[in-house]
PDB file of N, CA and C in Angstrom:
ATOM      1  N   MET A   1       0.830  -1.195   0.000  1.00  0.00           N
ATOM      2  CA  MET A   1       0.000   0.000   0.000  1.00  0.00           C
ATOM      3  C   MET A   1       0.872   1.254   0.000  1.00  0.00           C
ATOM      4  N   HIS A   2       2.045   1.168   0.647  1.00  0.00           N
ATOM      5  CA  HIS A   2       2.937   2.322   0.703  1.00  0.00           C
ATOM      6  C   HIS A   2       3.373   2.744  -0.698  1.00  0.00           C
ATOM      7  N   ASP A   3       3.679   1.762  -1.562  1.00  0.00           N
ATOM      8  CA  ASP A   3       4.087   2.065  -2.940  1.00  0.00           C
ATOM      9  C   ASP A   3       3.007   2.839  -3.679  1.00  0.00           C
ATOM     10  N   ILE A   4       1.755   2.446  -3.487  1.00  0.00           N
ATOM     11  CA  ILE A   4       0.644   3.093  -4.178  1.00  0.00           C
ATOM     12  C   ILE A   4       0.498   4.541  -3.718  1.00  0.00           C
ATOM     13  N   LYS A   5       0.577   4.779  -2.414  1.00  0.00           N
ATOM     14  CA  LYS A   5       0.442   6.146  -1.890  1.00  0.00           C
ATOM     15  C   LYS A   5       1.584   7.028  -2.374  1.00  0.00           C
ATOM     16  N   LYS A   6       2.783   6.485  -2.384  1.00  0.00           N
ATOM     17  CA  LYS A   6       3.957   7.235  -2.836  1.00  0.00           C
ATOM     18  C   LYS A   6       3.817   7.603  -4.315  1.00  0.00           C
ATOM     19  N   TYR A   7       3.426   6.649  -5.120  1.00  0.00           N
ATOM     20  CA  TYR A   7       3.279   6.913  -6.549  1.00  0.00           C
ATOM     21  C   TYR A   7       2.121   7.857  -6.819  1.00  0.00           C
ATOM     22  N   SER A   8       1.046   7.736  -6.064  1.00  0.00           N
ATOM     23  CA  SER A   8      -0.120   8.608  -6.227  1.00  0.00           C
ATOM     24  C   SER A   8       0.267  10.071  -5.990  1.00  0.00           C
ATOM     25  N   ALA A   9       1.051  10.331  -4.962  1.00  0.00           N
ATOM     26  CA  ALA A   9       1.487  11.699  -4.666  1.00  0.00           C
ATOM     27  C   ALA A   9       2.354  12.245  -5.804  1.00  0.00           C
ATOM     28  N   LYS A  10       3.236  11.425  -6.326  1.00  0.00           N
ATOM     29  CA  LYS A  10       4.102  11.820  -7.444  1.00  0.00           C
ATOM     30  C   LYS A  10       3.261  12.143  -8.678  1.00  0.00           C
ATOM     31  N   LEU A  11       2.239  11.318  -8.942  1.00  0.00           N
ATOM     32  CA  LEU A  11       1.374  11.505 -10.095  1.00  0.00           C
ATOM     33  C   LEU A  11       0.555  12.783  -9.972  1.00  0.00           C
ATOM     34  N   LYS A  12       0.015  13.049  -8.797  1.00  0.00           N
ATOM     35  CA  LYS A  12      -0.775  14.273  -8.579  1.00  0.00           C
ATOM     36  C   LYS A  12       0.060  15.510  -8.882  1.00  0.00           C
ATOM     37  N   LYS A  13       1.302  15.506  -8.426  1.00  0.00           N
ATOM     38  CA  LYS A  13       2.193  16.638  -8.665  1.00  0.00           C
ATOM     39  C   LYS A  13       2.452  16.805 -10.159  1.00  0.00           C
ATOM     40  N   LYS A  14       2.674  15.719 -10.853  1.00  0.00           N
ATOM     41  CA  LYS A  14       2.953  15.753 -12.292  1.00  0.00           C
ATOM     42  C   LYS A  14       1.763  16.329 -13.066  1.00  0.00           C
ATOM     43  N   ILE A  15       0.550  15.910 -12.715  1.00  0.00           N
ATOM     44  CA  ILE A  15      -0.651  16.372 -13.412  1.00  0.00           C
ATOM     45  C   ILE A  15      -0.943  17.834 -13.098  1.00  0.00           C
ATOM     46  N   ARG A  16      -0.755  18.229 -11.856  1.00  0.00           N
ATOM     47  CA  ARG A  16      -1.081  19.587 -11.422  1.00  0.00           C
ATOM     48  C   ARG A  16      -0.314  20.634 -12.219  1.00  0.00           C
ATOM     49  N   PHE A  17       0.917  20.345 -12.592  1.00  0.00           N
ATOM     50  CA  PHE A  17       1.736  21.347 -13.268  1.00  0.00           C
ATOM     51  C   PHE A  17       1.713  21.227 -14.782  1.00  0.00           C
ATOM     52  N   GLY A  18       0.978  20.275 -15.301  1.00  0.00           N
ATOM     53  CA  GLY A  18       0.936  20.085 -16.743  1.00  0.00           C
ATOM     54  C   GLY A  18      -0.262  20.777 -17.358  1.00  0.00           C
ATOM     55  N   LYS A  19      -0.021  21.674 -18.280  1.00  0.00           N
ATOM     56  CA  LYS A  19      -1.113  22.368 -18.982  1.00  0.00           C
ATOM     57  C   LYS A  19      -1.483  21.658 -20.275  1.00  0.00           C
ATOM     58  N   ASP A  20      -0.565  20.943 -20.846  1.00  0.00           N
ATOM     59  CA  ASP A  20      -0.754  20.241 -22.109  1.00  0.00           C
ATOM     60  C   ASP A  20      -1.517  18.938 -21.855  1.00  0.00           C
ATOM     61  N   PRO A  21      -2.587  18.654 -22.623  1.00  0.00           N
ATOM     62  CA  PRO A  21      -3.347  17.413 -22.411  1.00  0.00           C
ATOM     63  C   PRO A  21      -2.502  16.155 -22.540  1.00  0.00           C
ATOM     64  N   ARG A  22      -1.398  16.254 -23.294  1.00  0.00           N
ATOM     65  CA  ARG A  22      -0.519  15.089 -23.420  1.00  0.00           C
ATOM     66  C   ARG A  22       0.107  14.710 -22.087  1.00  0.00           C
ATOM     67  N   VAL A  23       0.219  15.690 -21.180  1.00  0.00           N
ATOM     68  CA  VAL A  23       0.750  15.398 -19.846  1.00  0.00           C
ATOM     69  C   VAL A  23      -0.177  14.420 -19.141  1.00  0.00           C
ATOM     70  N   LEU A  24      -1.487  14.641 -19.247  1.00  0.00           N
ATOM     71  CA  LEU A  24      -2.455  13.738 -18.625  1.00  0.00           C
ATOM     72  C   LEU A  24      -2.404  12.358 -19.274  1.00  0.00           C
ATOM     73  N   ILE A  25      -2.323  12.316 -20.590  1.00  0.00           N
ATOM     74  CA  ILE A  25      -2.249  11.030 -21.298  1.00  0.00           C
ATOM     75  C   ILE A  25      -1.009  10.262 -20.861  1.00  0.00           C
ATOM     76  N   ASN A  26       0.126  10.935 -20.805  1.00  0.00           N
ATOM     77  CA  ASN A  26       1.366  10.282 -20.363  1.00  0.00           C
ATOM     78  C   ASN A  26       1.274   9.852 -18.906  1.00  0.00           C
ATOM     79  N   ALA A  27       0.633  10.686 -18.081  1.00  0.00           N
ATOM     80  CA  ALA A  27       0.487  10.353 -16.664  1.00  0.00           C
ATOM     81  C   ALA A  27      -0.369   9.097 -16.498  1.00  0.00           C
ATOM     82  N   ILE A  28      -1.435   8.986 -17.279  1.00  0.00           N
ATOM     83  CA  ILE A  28      -2.284   7.792 -17.204  1.00  0.00           C
ATOM     84  C   ILE A  28      -1.501   6.568 -17.650  1.00  0.00           C
ATOM     85  N   SER A  29      -0.753   6.692 -18.721  1.00  0.00           N
ATOM     86  CA  SER A  29       0.062   5.578 -19.192  1.00  0.00           C
ATOM     87  C   SER A  29       1.086   5.170 -18.131  1.00  0.00           C
ATOM     88  N   ASP A  30       1.750   6.158 -17.533  1.00  0.00           N
ATOM     89  CA  ASP A  30       2.716   5.885 -16.457  1.00  0.00           C
ATOM     90  C   ASP A  30       2.024   5.221 -15.276  1.00  0.00           C
ATOM     91  N   PHE A  31       0.829   5.732 -14.925  1.00  0.00           N
ATOM     92  CA  PHE A  31       0.070   5.178 -13.803  1.00  0.00           C
ATOM     93  C   PHE A  31      -0.255   3.710 -14.048  1.00  0.00           C
ATOM     94  N   GLU A  32      -0.710   3.387 -15.255  1.00  0.00           N
ATOM     95  CA  GLU A  32      -1.049   1.997 -15.567  1.00  0.00           C
ATOM     96  C   GLU A  32       0.182   1.103 -15.507  1.00  0.00           C
ATOM     97  N   SER A  33       1.306   1.583 -16.012  1.00  0.00           N
ATOM     98  CA  SER A  33       2.546   0.795 -15.957  1.00  0.00           C
ATOM     99  C   SER A  33       2.981   0.577 -14.509  1.00  0.00           C
ATOM    100  N   GLU A  34       2.921   1.630 -13.715  1.00  0.00           N
ATOM    101  CA  GLU A  34       3.324   1.529 -12.312  1.00  0.00           C
ATOM    102  C   GLU A  34       2.367   0.624 -11.539  1.00  0.00           C
ATOM    103  N   THR A  35       1.078   0.720 -11.827  1.00  0.00           N
ATOM    104  CA  THR A  35       0.095  -0.137 -11.168  1.00  0.00           C
ATOM    105  C   THR A  35       0.366  -1.599 -11.499  1.00  0.00           C
ATOM    106  N   ASP A  36       0.680  -1.887 -12.765  1.00  0.00           N
ATOM    107  CA  ASP A  36       1.024  -3.257 -13.152  1.00  0.00           C
ATOM    108  C   ASP A  36       2.227  -3.758 -12.369  1.00  0.00           C
ATOM    109  N   LEU A  37       3.247  -2.924 -12.244  1.00  0.00           N
ATOM    110  CA  LEU A  37       4.456  -3.308 -11.519  1.00  0.00           C
ATOM    111  C   LEU A  37       4.152  -3.573 -10.046  1.00  0.00           C
ATOM    112  N   ILE A  38       3.387  -2.680  -9.418  1.00  0.00           N
ATOM    113  CA  ILE A  38       3.024  -2.854  -8.007  1.00  0.00           C
ATOM    114  C   ILE A  38       2.205  -4.132  -7.828  1.00  0.00           C
ATOM    115  N   THR A  39       1.279  -4.381  -8.749  1.00  0.00           N
ATOM    116  CA  THR A  39       0.448  -5.586  -8.672  1.00  0.00           C
ATOM    117  C   THR A  39       1.302  -6.839  -8.788  1.00  0.00           C
ATOM    118  N   LYS A  40       2.236  -6.834  -9.739  1.00  0.00           N
ATOM    119  CA  LYS A  40       3.113  -7.998  -9.904  1.00  0.00           C
ATOM    120  C   LYS A  40       3.929  -8.252  -8.644  1.00  0.00           C
ATOM    121  N   LYS A  41       4.477  -7.179  -8.055  1.00  0.00           N
ATOM    122  CA  LYS A  41       5.254  -7.327  -6.815  1.00  0.00           C
ATOM    123  C   LYS A  41       4.382  -7.889  -5.697  1.00  0.00           C
ATOM    124  N   SER A  42       3.168  -7.377  -5.585  1.00  0.00           N
ATOM    125  CA  SER A  42       2.250  -7.835  -4.532  1.00  0.00           C
ATOM    126  C   SER A  42       1.886  -9.299  -4.727  1.00  0.00           C
ATOM    127  N   LEU A  43       1.617  -9.693  -5.971  1.00  0.00           N
ATOM    128  CA  LEU A  43       1.271 -11.088  -6.246  1.00  0.00           C
ATOM    129  C   LEU A  43       2.434 -12.017  -5.932  1.00  0.00           C
ATOM    130  N   LEU A  44       3.638 -11.596  -6.284  1.00  0.00           N
ATOM    131  CA  LEU A  44       4.816 -12.424  -5.984  1.00  0.00           C
ATOM    132  C   LEU A  44       5.007 -12.566  -4.483  1.00  0.00           C
ATOM    133  N   ALA A  45       4.851 -11.468  -3.754  1.00  0.00           N
ATOM    134  CA  ALA A  45       5.038 -11.484  -2.317  1.00  0.00           C
ATOM    135  C   ALA A  45       3.977 -12.332  -1.613  1.00  0.00           C
ATOM    136  N   SER A  46       2.756 -12.333  -2.148  1.00  0.00           N
ATOM    137  CA  SER A  46       1.660 -13.059  -1.497  1.00  0.00           C
ATOM    138  C   SER A  46       1.565 -14.511  -1.948  1.00  0.00           C
ATOM    139  N   LYS A  47       2.312 -14.865  -2.971  1.00  0.00           N
ATOM    140  CA  LYS A  47       2.312 -16.206  -3.552  1.00  0.00           C
ATOM    141  C   LYS A  47       0.940 -16.582  -4.152  1.00  0.00           C
ATOM    142  N   ILE A  48       0.131 -15.578  -4.485  1.00  0.00           N
ATOM    143  CA  ILE A  48      -1.135 -15.824  -5.174  1.00  0.00           C
ATOM    144  C   ILE A  48      -0.807 -16.188  -6.618  1.00  0.00           C
ATOM    145  N   LYS A  49      -1.463 -17.206  -7.128  1.00  0.00           N
ATOM    146  CA  LYS A  49      -1.206 -17.652  -8.491  1.00  0.00           C
ATOM    147  C   LYS A  49      -2.396 -17.282  -9.380  1.00  0.00           C
ATOM    148  N   ILE A  50      -2.113 -16.638 -10.491  1.00  0.00           N
ATOM    149  CA  ILE A  50      -3.121 -16.320 -11.479  1.00  0.00           C
ATOM    150  C   ILE A  50      -3.119 -17.467 -12.488  1.00  0.00           C
ATOM    151  N   ASP A  51      -4.276 -17.996 -12.806  1.00  0.00           N
ATOM    152  CA  ASP A  51      -4.357 -19.173 -13.659  1.00  0.00           C
ATOM    153  C   ASP A  51      -4.559 -18.867 -15.144  1.00  0.00           C
ATOM    154  N   CYS A  52      -4.026 -17.762 -15.614  1.00  0.00           N
ATOM    155  CA  CYS A  52      -4.128 -17.470 -17.045  1.00  0.00           C
ATOM    156  C   CYS A  52      -3.297 -18.489 -17.810  1.00  0.00           C
ATOM    157  N   LYS A  53      -3.868 -18.969 -18.885  1.00  0.00           N
ATOM    158  CA  LYS A  53      -3.166 -19.927 -19.728  1.00  0.00           C
ATOM    159  C   LYS A  53      -3.369 -19.526 -21.182  1.00  0.00           C
ATOM    160  N   ARG A  54      -2.448 -19.962 -22.015  1.00  0.00           N
ATOM    161  CA  ARG A  54      -2.554 -19.696 -23.446  1.00  0.00           C
ATOM    162  C   ARG A  54      -3.919 -20.174 -23.952  1.00  0.00           C
ATOM    163  N   GLY A  55      -4.591 -19.303 -24.680  1.00  0.00           N
ATOM    164  CA  GLY A  55      -5.900 -19.657 -25.216  1.00  0.00           C
ATOM    165  C   GLY A  55      -7.062 -19.243 -24.329  1.00  0.00           C
ATOM    166  N   CYS A  56      -6.778 -18.902 -23.071  1.00  0.00           N
ATOM    167  CA  CYS A  56      -7.845 -18.465 -22.170  1.00  0.00           C
ATOM    168  C   CYS A  56      -8.222 -17.025 -22.519  1.00  0.00           C
ATOM    169  N   SER A  57      -9.505 -16.734 -22.565  1.00  0.00           N
ATOM    170  CA  SER A  57      -9.925 -15.363 -22.858  1.00  0.00           C
ATOM    171  C   SER A  57     -11.047 -14.920 -21.912  1.00  0.00           C
ATOM    172  N   HIS A  58     -11.084 -15.556 -20.727  1.00  0.00           N
ATOM    173  CA  HIS A  58     -12.156 -15.231 -19.772  1.00  0.00           C
ATOM    174  C   HIS A  58     -12.225 -13.731 -19.501  1.00  0.00           C
ATOM    175  N   CYS A  59     -11.114 -13.128 -19.126  1.00  0.00           N
ATOM    176  CA  CYS A  59     -11.093 -11.696 -18.798  1.00  0.00           C
ATOM    177  C   CYS A  59     -11.431 -10.835 -20.013  1.00  0.00           C
ATOM    178  N   CYS A  60     -11.170 -11.362 -21.189  1.00  0.00           N
ATOM    179  CA  CYS A  60     -11.417 -10.618 -22.422  1.00  0.00           C
ATOM    180  C   CYS A  60     -12.896 -10.560 -22.791  1.00  0.00           C
ATOM    181  N   ASN A  61     -13.749 -11.167 -21.987  1.00  0.00           N
ATOM    182  CA  ASN A  61     -15.188 -11.133 -22.210  1.00  0.00           C
ATOM    183  C   ASN A  61     -15.893 -10.221 -21.207  1.00  0.00           C
ATOM    184  N   LEU A  62     -15.121  -9.534 -20.388  1.00  0.00           N
ATOM    185  CA  LEU A  62     -15.693  -8.628 -19.404  1.00  0.00           C
ATOM    186  C   LEU A  62     -15.835  -7.238 -20.008  1.00  0.00           C
ATOM    187  N   ARG A  63     -16.859  -6.529 -19.600  1.00  0.00           N
ATOM    188  CA  ARG A  63     -17.060  -5.167 -20.086  1.00  0.00           C
ATOM    189  C   ARG A  63     -16.029  -4.256 -19.416  1.00  0.00           C
ATOM    190  N   VAL A  64     -15.377  -3.456 -20.217  1.00  0.00           N
ATOM    191  CA  VAL A  64     -14.447  -2.455 -19.688  1.00  0.00           C
ATOM    192  C   VAL A  64     -14.826  -1.100 -20.257  1.00  0.00           C
ATOM    193  N   GLU A  65     -14.476  -0.083 -19.542  1.00  0.00           N
ATOM    194  CA  GLU A  65     -14.695   1.279 -20.012  1.00  0.00           C
ATOM    195  C   GLU A  65     -13.370   2.007 -19.937  1.00  0.00           C
ATOM    196  N   VAL A  66     -13.194   2.988 -20.803  1.00  0.00           N
ATOM    197  CA  VAL A  66     -11.944   3.734 -20.837  1.00  0.00           C
ATOM    198  C   VAL A  66     -12.223   5.211 -20.622  1.00  0.00           C
ATOM    199  N   LEU A  67     -11.227   5.889 -20.105  1.00  0.00           N
ATOM    200  CA  LEU A  67     -11.293   7.337 -19.951  1.00  0.00           C
ATOM    201  C   LEU A  67     -10.931   7.983 -21.284  1.00  0.00           C
ATOM    202  N   PRO A  68     -11.362   9.220 -21.526  1.00  0.00           N
ATOM    203  CA  PRO A  68     -11.029   9.882 -22.803  1.00  0.00           C
ATOM    204  C   PRO A  68      -9.532   9.854 -23.154  1.00  0.00           C
ATOM    205  N   PRO A  69      -8.617  10.126 -22.201  1.00  0.00           N
ATOM    206  CA  PRO A  69      -7.200  10.055 -22.583  1.00  0.00           C
ATOM    207  C   PRO A  69      -6.775   8.646 -22.999  1.00  0.00           C
ATOM    208  N   GLU A  70      -7.365   7.621 -22.372  1.00  0.00           N
ATOM    209  CA  GLU A  70      -7.061   6.244 -22.768  1.00  0.00           C
ATOM    210  C   GLU A  70      -7.588   5.970 -24.175  1.00  0.00           C
ATOM    211  N   ALA A  71      -8.770   6.509 -24.475  1.00  0.00           N
ATOM    212  CA  ALA A  71      -9.346   6.342 -25.814  1.00  0.00           C
ATOM    213  C   ALA A  71      -8.427   6.962 -26.865  1.00  0.00           C
ATOM    214  N   LEU A  72      -7.812   8.097 -26.541  1.00  0.00           N
ATOM    215  CA  LEU A  72      -6.862   8.727 -27.480  1.00  0.00           C
ATOM    216  C   LEU A  72      -5.656   7.832 -27.718  1.00  0.00           C
ATOM    217  N   LEU A  73      -5.138   7.228 -26.655  1.00  0.00           N
ATOM    218  CA  LEU A  73      -3.997   6.315 -26.814  1.00  0.00           C
ATOM    219  C   LEU A  73      -4.379   5.121 -27.684  1.00  0.00           C
ATOM    220  N   ILE A  74      -5.564   4.579 -27.447  1.00  0.00           N
ATOM    221  CA  ILE A  74      -6.032   3.437 -28.234  1.00  0.00           C
ATOM    222  C   ILE A  74      -6.216   3.854 -29.691  1.00  0.00           C
ATOM    223  N   ALA A  75      -6.824   5.026 -29.913  1.00  0.00           N
ATOM    224  CA  ALA A  75      -7.045   5.514 -31.291  1.00  0.00           C
ATOM    225  C   ALA A  75      -5.712   5.684 -32.018  1.00  0.00           C
ATOM    226  N   ASN A  76      -4.715   6.222 -31.329  1.00  0.00           N
ATOM    227  CA  ASN A  76      -3.399   6.382 -31.956  1.00  0.00           C
ATOM    228  C   ASN A  76      -2.806   5.032 -32.322  1.00  0.00           C
ATOM    229  N   HIS A  77      -3.011   4.045 -31.471  1.00  0.00           N
ATOM    230  CA  HIS A  77      -2.510   2.706 -31.784  1.00  0.00           C
ATOM    231  C   HIS A  77      -3.255   2.132 -32.988  1.00  0.00           C
ATOM    232  N   VAL A  78      -4.568   2.286 -33.008  1.00  0.00           N
ATOM    233  CA  VAL A  78      -5.382   1.757 -34.111  1.00  0.00           C
ATOM    234  C   VAL A  78      -4.929   2.370 -35.439  1.00  0.00           C
ATOM    235  N   LYS A  79      -4.560   3.658 -35.417  1.00  0.00           N
ATOM    236  CA  LYS A  79      -4.091   4.312 -36.647  1.00  0.00           C
ATOM    237  C   LYS A  79      -2.833   3.655 -37.206  1.00  0.00           C
ATOM    238  N   SER A  80      -2.046   3.021 -36.323  1.00  0.00           N
ATOM    239  CA  SER A  80      -0.777   2.427 -36.762  1.00  0.00           C
ATOM    240  C   SER A  80      -0.952   1.027 -37.352  1.00  0.00           C
ATOM    241  N   ILE A  81      -2.138   0.462 -37.248  1.00  0.00           N
ATOM    242  CA  ILE A  81      -2.405  -0.886 -37.745  1.00  0.00           C
ATOM    243  C   ILE A  81      -2.602  -0.820 -39.270  1.00  0.00           C
ATOM    244  N   PRO A  82      -2.114  -1.816 -40.014  1.00  0.00           N
ATOM    245  CA  PRO A  82      -2.334  -1.824 -41.472  1.00  0.00           C
ATOM    246  C   PRO A  82      -3.825  -1.642 -41.797  1.00  0.00           C
ATOM    247  N   GLU A  83      -4.094  -0.957 -42.894  1.00  0.00           N
ATOM    248  CA  GLU A  83      -5.457  -0.509 -43.222  1.00  0.00           C
ATOM    249  C   GLU A  83      -6.500  -1.627 -43.230  1.00  0.00           C
ATOM    250  N   ASP A  84      -6.182  -2.769 -43.817  1.00  0.00           N
ATOM    251  CA  ASP A  84      -7.183  -3.845 -43.886  1.00  0.00           C
ATOM    252  C   ASP A  84      -7.564  -4.344 -42.492  1.00  0.00           C
ATOM    253  N   ARG A  85      -6.573  -4.521 -41.624  1.00  0.00           N
ATOM    254  CA  ARG A  85      -6.848  -4.962 -40.247  1.00  0.00           C
ATOM    255  C   ARG A  85      -7.510  -3.850 -39.449  1.00  0.00           C
ATOM    256  N   ARG A  86      -7.121  -2.604 -39.711  1.00  0.00           N
ATOM    257  CA  ARG A  86      -7.707  -1.456 -39.007  1.00  0.00           C
ATOM    258  C   ARG A  86      -9.199  -1.367 -39.307  1.00  0.00           C
ATOM    259  N   GLU A  87      -9.575  -1.534 -40.585  1.00  0.00           N
ATOM    260  CA  GLU A  87     -10.995  -1.469 -40.955  1.00  0.00           C
ATOM    261  C   GLU A  87     -11.793  -2.571 -40.269  1.00  0.00           C
ATOM    262  N   LEU A  88     -11.232  -3.772 -40.197  1.00  0.00           N
ATOM    263  CA  LEU A  88     -11.897  -4.876 -39.510  1.00  0.00           C
ATOM    264  C   LEU A  88     -12.067  -4.559 -38.022  1.00  0.00           C
ATOM    265  N   LEU A  89     -11.010  -4.039 -37.408  1.00  0.00           N
ATOM    266  CA  LEU A  89     -11.065  -3.698 -35.986  1.00  0.00           C
ATOM    267  C   LEU A  89     -12.098  -2.607 -35.716  1.00  0.00           C
ATOM    268  N   ILE A  90     -12.108  -1.575 -36.540  1.00  0.00           N
ATOM    269  CA  ILE A  90     -13.076  -0.487 -36.365  1.00  0.00           C
ATOM    270  C   ILE A  90     -14.500  -1.024 -36.504  1.00  0.00           C
ATOM    271  N   SER A  91     -14.716  -1.919 -37.437  1.00  0.00           N
ATOM    272  CA  SER A  91     -16.031  -2.541 -37.593  1.00  0.00           C
ATOM    273  C   SER A  91     -16.414  -3.318 -36.330  1.00  0.00           C
ATOM    274  N   LYS A  92     -15.460  -4.084 -35.790  1.00  0.00           N
ATOM    275  CA  LYS A  92     -15.708  -4.832 -34.553  1.00  0.00           C
ATOM    276  C   LYS A  92     -16.011  -3.879 -33.394  1.00  0.00           C
ATOM    277  N   LEU A  93     -15.265  -2.780 -33.307  1.00  0.00           N
ATOM    278  CA  LEU A  93     -15.480  -1.809 -32.229  1.00  0.00           C
ATOM    279  C   LEU A  93     -16.874  -1.184 -32.318  1.00  0.00           C
ATOM    280  N   ARG A  94     -17.312  -0.905 -33.545  1.00  0.00           N
ATOM    281  CA  ARG A  94     -18.680  -0.364 -33.722  1.00  0.00           C
ATOM    282  C   ARG A  94     -19.722  -1.377 -33.260  1.00  0.00           C
ATOM    283  N   ASP A  95     -19.533  -2.634 -33.655  1.00  0.00           N
ATOM    284  CA  ASP A  95     -20.454  -3.694 -33.225  1.00  0.00           C
ATOM    285  C   ASP A  95     -20.497  -3.796 -31.698  1.00  0.00           C
ATOM    286  N   HIS A  96     -19.332  -3.695 -31.072  1.00  0.00           N
ATOM    287  CA  HIS A  96     -19.268  -3.762 -29.611  1.00  0.00           C
ATOM    288  C   HIS A  96     -19.999  -2.587 -28.973  1.00  0.00           C
ATOM    289  N   ALA A  97     -19.846  -1.414 -29.545  1.00  0.00           N
ATOM    290  CA  ALA A  97     -20.516  -0.232 -28.988  1.00  0.00           C
ATOM    291  C   ALA A  97     -22.026  -0.413 -29.026  1.00  0.00           C
ATOM    292  N   VAL A  98     -22.541  -0.934 -30.133  1.00  0.00           N
ATOM    293  CA  VAL A  98     -23.982  -1.185 -30.252  1.00  0.00           C
ATOM    294  C   VAL A  98     -24.401  -2.255 -29.241  1.00  0.00           C
ATOM    295  N   TYR A  99     -23.618  -3.333 -29.156  1.00  0.00           N
ATOM    296  CA  TYR A  99     -23.928  -4.435 -28.240  1.00  0.00           C
ATOM    297  C   TYR A  99     -23.917  -3.960 -26.779  1.00  0.00           C
ATOM    298  N   ALA A 100     -22.957  -3.122 -26.415  1.00  0.00           N
ATOM    299  CA  ALA A 100     -22.779  -2.699 -25.022  1.00  0.00           C
ATOM    300  C   ALA A 100     -23.817  -1.685 -24.553  1.00  0.00           C
ATOM    301  N   LYS A 101     -24.443  -0.987 -25.492  1.00  0.00           N
ATOM    302  CA  LYS A 101     -25.381   0.072 -25.120  1.00  0.00           C
ATOM    303  C   LYS A 101     -26.440  -0.454 -24.161  1.00  0.00           C
ATOM    304  N   ASP A 102     -26.555   0.228 -23.030  1.00  0.00           N
ATOM    305  CA  ASP A 102     -27.546  -0.061 -21.987  1.00  0.00           C
ATOM    306  C   ASP A 102     -27.354  -1.402 -21.281  1.00  0.00           C
ATOM    307  N   LYS A 103     -26.244  -2.084 -21.511  1.00  0.00           N
ATOM    308  CA  LYS A 103     -25.979  -3.331 -20.791  1.00  0.00           C
ATOM    309  C   LYS A 103     -25.168  -3.023 -19.535  1.00  0.00           C
ATOM    310  N   THR A 104     -25.484  -3.720 -18.453  1.00  0.00           N
ATOM    311  CA  THR A 104     -24.693  -3.593 -17.233  1.00  0.00           C
ATOM    312  C   THR A 104     -23.450  -4.467 -17.366  1.00  0.00           C
ATOM    313  N   PHE A 105     -22.557  -4.325 -16.439  1.00  0.00           N
ATOM    314  CA  PHE A 105     -21.350  -5.142 -16.395  1.00  0.00           C
ATOM    315  C   PHE A 105     -21.711  -6.625 -16.431  1.00  0.00           C
ATOM    316  N   PHE A 106     -22.749  -7.000 -15.688  1.00  0.00           N
ATOM    317  CA  PHE A 106     -23.127  -8.409 -15.573  1.00  0.00           C
ATOM    318  C   PHE A 106     -23.858  -8.943 -16.799  1.00  0.00           C
ATOM    319  N   GLU A 107     -24.463  -8.076 -17.582  1.00  0.00           N
ATOM    320  CA  GLU A 107     -25.178  -8.509 -18.789  1.00  0.00           C
ATOM    321  C   GLU A 107     -24.247  -8.650 -19.993  1.00  0.00           C
ATOM    322  N   TYR A 108     -23.080  -8.050 -19.892  1.00  0.00           N
ATOM    323  CA  TYR A 108     -22.151  -8.008 -21.014  1.00  0.00           C
ATOM    324  C   TYR A 108     -21.376  -9.311 -21.105  1.00  0.00           C
ATOM    325  N   ASN A 109     -21.309  -9.914 -22.283  1.00  0.00           N
ATOM    326  CA  ASN A 109     -20.511 -11.119 -22.485  1.00  0.00           C
ATOM    327  C   ASN A 109     -20.158 -11.229 -23.964  1.00  0.00           C
ATOM    328  N   LYS A 110     -19.154 -10.482 -24.345  1.00  0.00           N
ATOM    329  CA  LYS A 110     -18.710 -10.475 -25.743  1.00  0.00           C
ATOM    330  C   LYS A 110     -17.186 -10.334 -25.728  1.00  0.00           C
ATOM    331  N   ALA A 111     -16.514 -11.169 -26.494  1.00  0.00           N
ATOM    332  CA  ALA A 111     -15.049 -11.125 -26.524  1.00  0.00           C
ATOM    333  C   ALA A 111     -14.557  -9.761 -27.017  1.00  0.00           C
ATOM    334  N   CYS A 112     -13.493  -9.293 -26.416  1.00  0.00           N
ATOM    335  CA  CYS A 112     -12.893  -7.998 -26.747  1.00  0.00           C
ATOM    336  C   CYS A 112     -12.603  -7.916 -28.253  1.00  0.00           C
ATOM    337  N   ALA A 113     -12.887  -6.760 -28.817  1.00  0.00           N
ATOM    338  CA  ALA A 113     -12.631  -6.548 -30.246  1.00  0.00           C
ATOM    339  C   ALA A 113     -11.152  -6.684 -30.585  1.00  0.00           C
ATOM    340  N   PHE A 114     -10.280  -6.425 -29.631  1.00  0.00           N
ATOM    341  CA  PHE A 114      -8.844  -6.495 -29.861  1.00  0.00           C
ATOM    342  C   PHE A 114      -8.298  -7.912 -29.754  1.00  0.00           C
ATOM    343  N   LEU A 115      -9.086  -8.833 -29.201  1.00  0.00           N
ATOM    344  CA  LEU A 115      -8.625 -10.203 -28.999  1.00  0.00           C
ATOM    345  C   LEU A 115      -8.261 -10.832 -30.338  1.00  0.00           C
ATOM    346  N   GLY A 116      -7.019 -11.247 -30.465  1.00  0.00           N
ATOM    347  CA  GLY A 116      -6.544 -11.866 -31.688  1.00  0.00           C
ATOM    348  C   GLY A 116      -6.207 -10.889 -32.811  1.00  0.00           C
ATOM    349  N   MET A 117      -6.332  -9.592 -32.574  1.00  0.00           N
ATOM    350  CA  MET A 117      -6.095  -8.597 -33.615  1.00  0.00           C
ATOM    351  C   MET A 117      -4.678  -8.022 -33.559  1.00  0.00           C
ATOM    352  N   ILE A 118      -4.081  -8.034 -32.415  1.00  0.00           N
ATOM    353  CA  ILE A 118      -2.812  -7.343 -32.254  1.00  0.00           C
ATOM    354  C   ILE A 118      -1.651  -8.302 -32.430  1.00  0.00           C
TER     355      ILE A 118
END
């Protein structure tokens, strides 16, 4: 927990002084990377085992939501994908948006549009 509080204070300071929206996007990316690192350390220390295996896509069927800066990062990545695959992905993303409309977390059960695309 100490690592999280320490990093949170550092992140708040970084965001407070940034006027450029890219500062927020970079801060979110840094936050996600740091959170992953803290989680990995915690899991190793606790000896909890995650049972992810090749071919498993259980988590990829859960509804997720993104913040606007995260959507920008994803959009920039999508732009870098070859055109034929990008068009397929965009079509899948549109289908997901229609499917997700008005569904709760528990009602949602559709594999992530990015699954198998990257």
